[in-house]
């Protein structure tokens, strides 16, 4: 049994801390839950439709990143590709690769993706670390699977992908017009050197 003075000291020391946790704990937990749910959102932005007739086998393979909106995990990358293959568990293995021009080195990220509903609907969740997923939404896709338009869970994430390192001007303009119609800030697109 602890001496009385030690109990009093511990009570005096921790009582204010316990009070603060009780007082602010619910707000902190609510804020944390809100942040995690936004960070892990997988649905497309409001009023953005995903492609409804995706053939995964035709979508697999290597895609070249033609354009993207800026975000820190691809900053300074050129010659960016995304390669998709089937996983044993029915998901999709994702290998993103690009050359960091500032550090003069190749970067590679390996992730996994799963359809969030029907495997014909272009709505997937993708993860590159642990249990955290983000949205991978196919919002434009050529009938011959030559190019696609991808977005994340909000209008901060947008990619134009192609089976070839370049796209003709008419196709680029068509994809940019589609993205603009959906409310993406197309004037901020970064055109990737391949």
Protein backbone atom coordinates (compact mmCIF):
# COMPACT_ATOMS: atom_id res chain seq x y z
CA UNK A 1 0.00 0.00 0.00
CA UNK A 2 1.27 3.48 -0.90
CA UNK A 3 1.79 6.05 1.80
CA UNK A 4 -0.93 8.69 2.00
CA UNK A 5 1.33 11.56 0.93
CA UNK A 6 2.23 9.78 -2.34
CA UNK A 7 -1.44 9.29 -3.17
CA UNK A 8 -2.13 12.95 -2.43
CA UNK A 9 0.79 14.02 -4.62
CA UNK A 10 -0.36 11.82 -7.52
CA UNK A 11 -3.92 13.06 -7.16
CA UNK A 12 -2.78 16.70 -7.16
CA UNK A 13 -0.55 16.09 -10.17
CA UNK A 14 -2.97 14.15 -12.36
CA UNK A 15 -6.35 15.61 -11.36
CA UNK A 16 -6.00 18.70 -13.61
CA UNK A 17 -4.87 16.48 -16.50
CA UNK A 18 -7.82 14.13 -16.05
CA UNK A 19 -10.17 17.13 -15.95
CA UNK A 20 -8.74 18.47 -19.22
CA UNK A 21 -9.05 15.09 -20.91
CA UNK A 22 -12.67 14.82 -19.78
CA UNK A 23 -13.38 18.39 -20.83
CA UNK A 24 -11.69 18.38 -24.24
CA UNK A 25 -11.45 14.67 -24.98
CA UNK A 26 -14.74 14.40 -26.85
CA UNK A 27 -13.89 17.35 -29.06
CA UNK A 28 -10.42 15.95 -29.78
CA UNK A 29 -11.81 12.53 -30.61
CA UNK A 30 -14.51 14.03 -32.85
CA UNK A 31 -11.90 16.10 -34.69
CA UNK A 32 -9.63 13.09 -35.11
CA UNK A 33 -12.48 10.95 -36.45
CA UNK A 34 -13.43 13.70 -38.91
CA UNK A 35 -9.85 14.07 -40.15
CA UNK A 36 -9.36 10.33 -40.57
CA UNK A 37 -12.67 9.92 -42.41
CA UNK A 38 -11.78 12.72 -44.84
CA UNK A 39 -8.24 11.42 -45.30
CA UNK A 40 -9.52 7.90 -45.95
CA UNK A 41 -12.46 8.85 -48.17
CA UNK A 42 -12.75 6.72 -51.27
CA UNK A 43 -15.89 8.05 -52.96
CA UNK A 44 -15.63 10.50 -55.86
CA UNK A 45 -16.41 14.17 -55.29
CA UNK A 46 -20.02 15.34 -55.40
CA UNK A 47 -21.51 15.46 -58.91
CA UNK A 48 -18.65 13.43 -60.43
CA UNK A 49 -19.65 10.17 -62.11
CA UNK A 50 -17.45 7.11 -62.42
CA UNK A 51 -17.30 4.90 -65.50
CA UNK A 52 -19.85 2.09 -65.16
CA UNK A 53 -18.48 -0.50 -67.59
CA UNK A 54 -14.82 -1.14 -66.72
CA UNK A 55 -13.19 -4.36 -67.93
CA UNK A 56 -10.40 -4.86 -65.38
CA UNK A 57 -8.42 -7.22 -67.61
CA UNK A 58 -8.25 -4.55 -70.31
CA UNK A 59 -7.32 -1.88 -67.75
CA UNK A 60 -4.36 -3.84 -66.35
CA UNK A 61 -0.87 -3.07 -67.59
CA UNK A 62 1.25 0.08 -67.77
CA UNK A 63 -0.12 3.61 -68.03
CA UNK A 64 1.90 6.80 -68.52
CA UNK A 65 1.04 9.82 -66.43
CA UNK A 66 0.38 12.66 -68.88
CA UNK A 67 -0.83 15.27 -66.38
CA UNK A 68 -1.70 15.63 -62.71
CA UNK A 69 -2.64 18.14 -60.08
CA UNK A 70 0.23 18.88 -57.72
CA UNK A 71 0.57 16.98 -54.46
CA UNK A 72 3.57 16.28 -52.27
CA UNK A 73 3.85 12.54 -52.90
CA UNK A 74 4.62 13.10 -56.60
CA UNK A 75 6.40 16.43 -56.36
CA UNK A 76 9.41 16.75 -58.71
CA UNK A 77 8.60 13.46 -60.45
CA UNK A 78 8.89 13.00 -64.20
CA UNK A 79 8.64 9.89 -66.41
CA UNK A 80 5.85 8.65 -64.15
CA UNK A 81 4.12 5.34 -64.84
CA UNK A 82 1.48 3.29 -63.08
CA UNK A 83 1.47 -0.47 -63.63
CA UNK A 84 -1.51 -2.57 -62.58
CA UNK A 85 -1.64 -6.36 -62.24
CA UNK A 86 -3.90 -8.88 -60.51
CA UNK A 87 -3.27 -9.89 -56.91
CA UNK A 88 -3.94 -13.39 -55.58
CA UNK A 89 -6.73 -12.03 -53.36
CA UNK A 90 -8.65 -10.58 -56.33
CA UNK A 91 -7.38 -7.05 -55.84
CA UNK A 92 -5.05 -5.04 -58.02
CA UNK A 93 -1.32 -4.62 -57.41
CA UNK A 94 -0.27 -1.02 -58.08
CA UNK A 95 3.30 0.01 -58.87
CA UNK A 96 3.81 3.75 -59.29
CA UNK A 97 7.23 4.77 -60.54
CA UNK A 98 8.81 8.11 -61.39
CA UNK A 99 12.13 9.90 -61.63
CA UNK A 100 12.79 12.63 -59.04
CA UNK A 101 14.58 15.33 -61.02
CA UNK A 102 15.83 17.17 -57.92
CA UNK A 103 17.34 14.11 -56.24
CA UNK A 104 18.26 12.41 -59.52
CA UNK A 105 16.82 9.07 -58.45
CA UNK A 106 13.96 6.73 -59.27
CA UNK A 107 11.09 6.48 -56.78
CA UNK A 108 8.70 3.56 -56.58
CA UNK A 109 5.60 2.96 -54.49
CA UNK A 110 3.82 -0.38 -54.32
CA UNK A 111 0.20 -0.46 -53.28
CA UNK A 112 -3.01 -2.40 -53.56
CA UNK A 113 -6.45 -1.49 -54.84
CA UNK A 114 -9.91 -3.01 -54.53
CA UNK A 115 -13.24 -2.21 -56.13
CA UNK A 116 -15.58 -0.54 -53.65
CA UNK A 117 -18.62 -2.17 -55.23
CA UNK A 118 -19.23 -3.91 -58.53
CA UNK A 119 -15.99 -4.88 -60.32
CA UNK A 120 -17.38 -3.27 -63.49
CA UNK A 121 -17.79 0.12 -61.80
CA UNK A 122 -14.72 2.38 -61.92
CA UNK A 123 -14.68 3.13 -58.19
CA UNK A 124 -11.73 1.67 -56.30
CA UNK A 125 -9.93 2.25 -53.04
CA UNK A 126 -6.14 2.25 -53.09
CA UNK A 127 -3.57 2.00 -50.31
CA UNK A 128 0.17 2.50 -50.29
CA UNK A 129 0.60 2.20 -46.52
CA UNK A 130 -1.21 0.12 -43.96
CA UNK A 131 -4.95 0.20 -43.54
CA UNK A 132 -5.39 3.71 -45.00
CA UNK A 133 -7.17 3.93 -48.34
CA UNK A 134 -7.87 6.75 -50.74
CA UNK A 135 -10.17 6.94 -53.71
CA UNK A 136 -9.16 5.89 -57.22
CA UNK A 137 -12.10 6.83 -59.40
CA UNK A 138 -12.12 6.30 -63.16
CA UNK A 139 -14.17 9.23 -64.47
CA UNK A 140 -13.19 8.98 -68.11
CA UNK A 141 -12.07 5.98 -70.17
CA UNK A 142 -11.51 5.53 -73.89
CA UNK A 143 -13.46 2.67 -75.49
CA UNK A 144 -10.15 1.14 -76.58
CA UNK A 145 -8.49 1.71 -73.18
CA UNK A 146 -5.92 4.10 -74.68
CA UNK A 147 -6.40 6.87 -72.10
CA UNK A 148 -8.24 7.48 -68.84
CA UNK A 149 -9.13 10.27 -66.45
CA UNK A 150 -8.75 9.52 -62.73
CA UNK A 151 -9.72 11.47 -59.62
CA UNK A 152 -9.43 10.99 -55.89
CA UNK A 153 -12.02 11.70 -53.20
CA UNK A 154 -12.03 15.46 -53.85
CA UNK A 155 -11.12 17.93 -56.57
CA UNK A 156 -7.50 18.20 -55.36
CA UNK A 157 -6.57 14.91 -57.04
CA UNK A 158 -6.72 14.43 -60.80
CA UNK A 159 -4.65 12.44 -63.30
CA UNK A 160 -4.66 12.00 -67.06
CA UNK A 161 -3.21 8.61 -68.02
CA UNK A 162 -2.33 7.15 -71.40
CA UNK A 163 -1.03 3.86 -72.78
CA UNK A 164 1.60 5.88 -74.65
CA UNK A 165 4.00 8.55 -73.35
CA UNK A 166 2.17 11.30 -75.27
CA UNK A 167 -1.39 12.19 -76.21
CA UNK A 168 -2.50 14.14 -79.25
CA UNK A 169 -3.78 17.67 -78.63
CA UNK A 170 -7.42 16.86 -79.44
CA UNK A 171 -7.52 14.02 -76.87
CA UNK A 172 -5.79 16.16 -74.24
CA UNK A 173 -8.28 18.97 -74.82
CA UNK A 174 -11.21 16.54 -74.57
CA UNK A 175 -9.99 15.15 -71.22
CA UNK A 176 -9.27 18.62 -69.83
CA UNK A 177 -12.76 19.77 -70.88
CA UNK A 178 -14.33 16.78 -69.08
CA UNK A 179 -12.35 17.52 -65.92
CA UNK A 180 -13.24 21.22 -66.10
CA UNK A 181 -16.93 20.37 -66.53
CA UNK A 182 -16.67 18.34 -63.29
CA UNK A 183 -15.19 21.38 -61.52
CA UNK A 184 -11.50 20.40 -61.32
CA UNK A 185 -8.94 23.24 -61.42
CA UNK A 186 -7.55 22.25 -64.82
CA UNK A 187 -5.49 25.44 -65.10
CA UNK A 188 -3.28 23.97 -62.33
CA UNK A 189 -2.50 20.74 -64.19
CA UNK A 190 1.17 19.78 -64.36
CA UNK A 191 2.09 18.29 -67.74
CA UNK A 192 4.52 15.49 -67.01
CA UNK A 193 7.74 15.10 -68.98
CA UNK A 194 7.95 11.54 -70.21
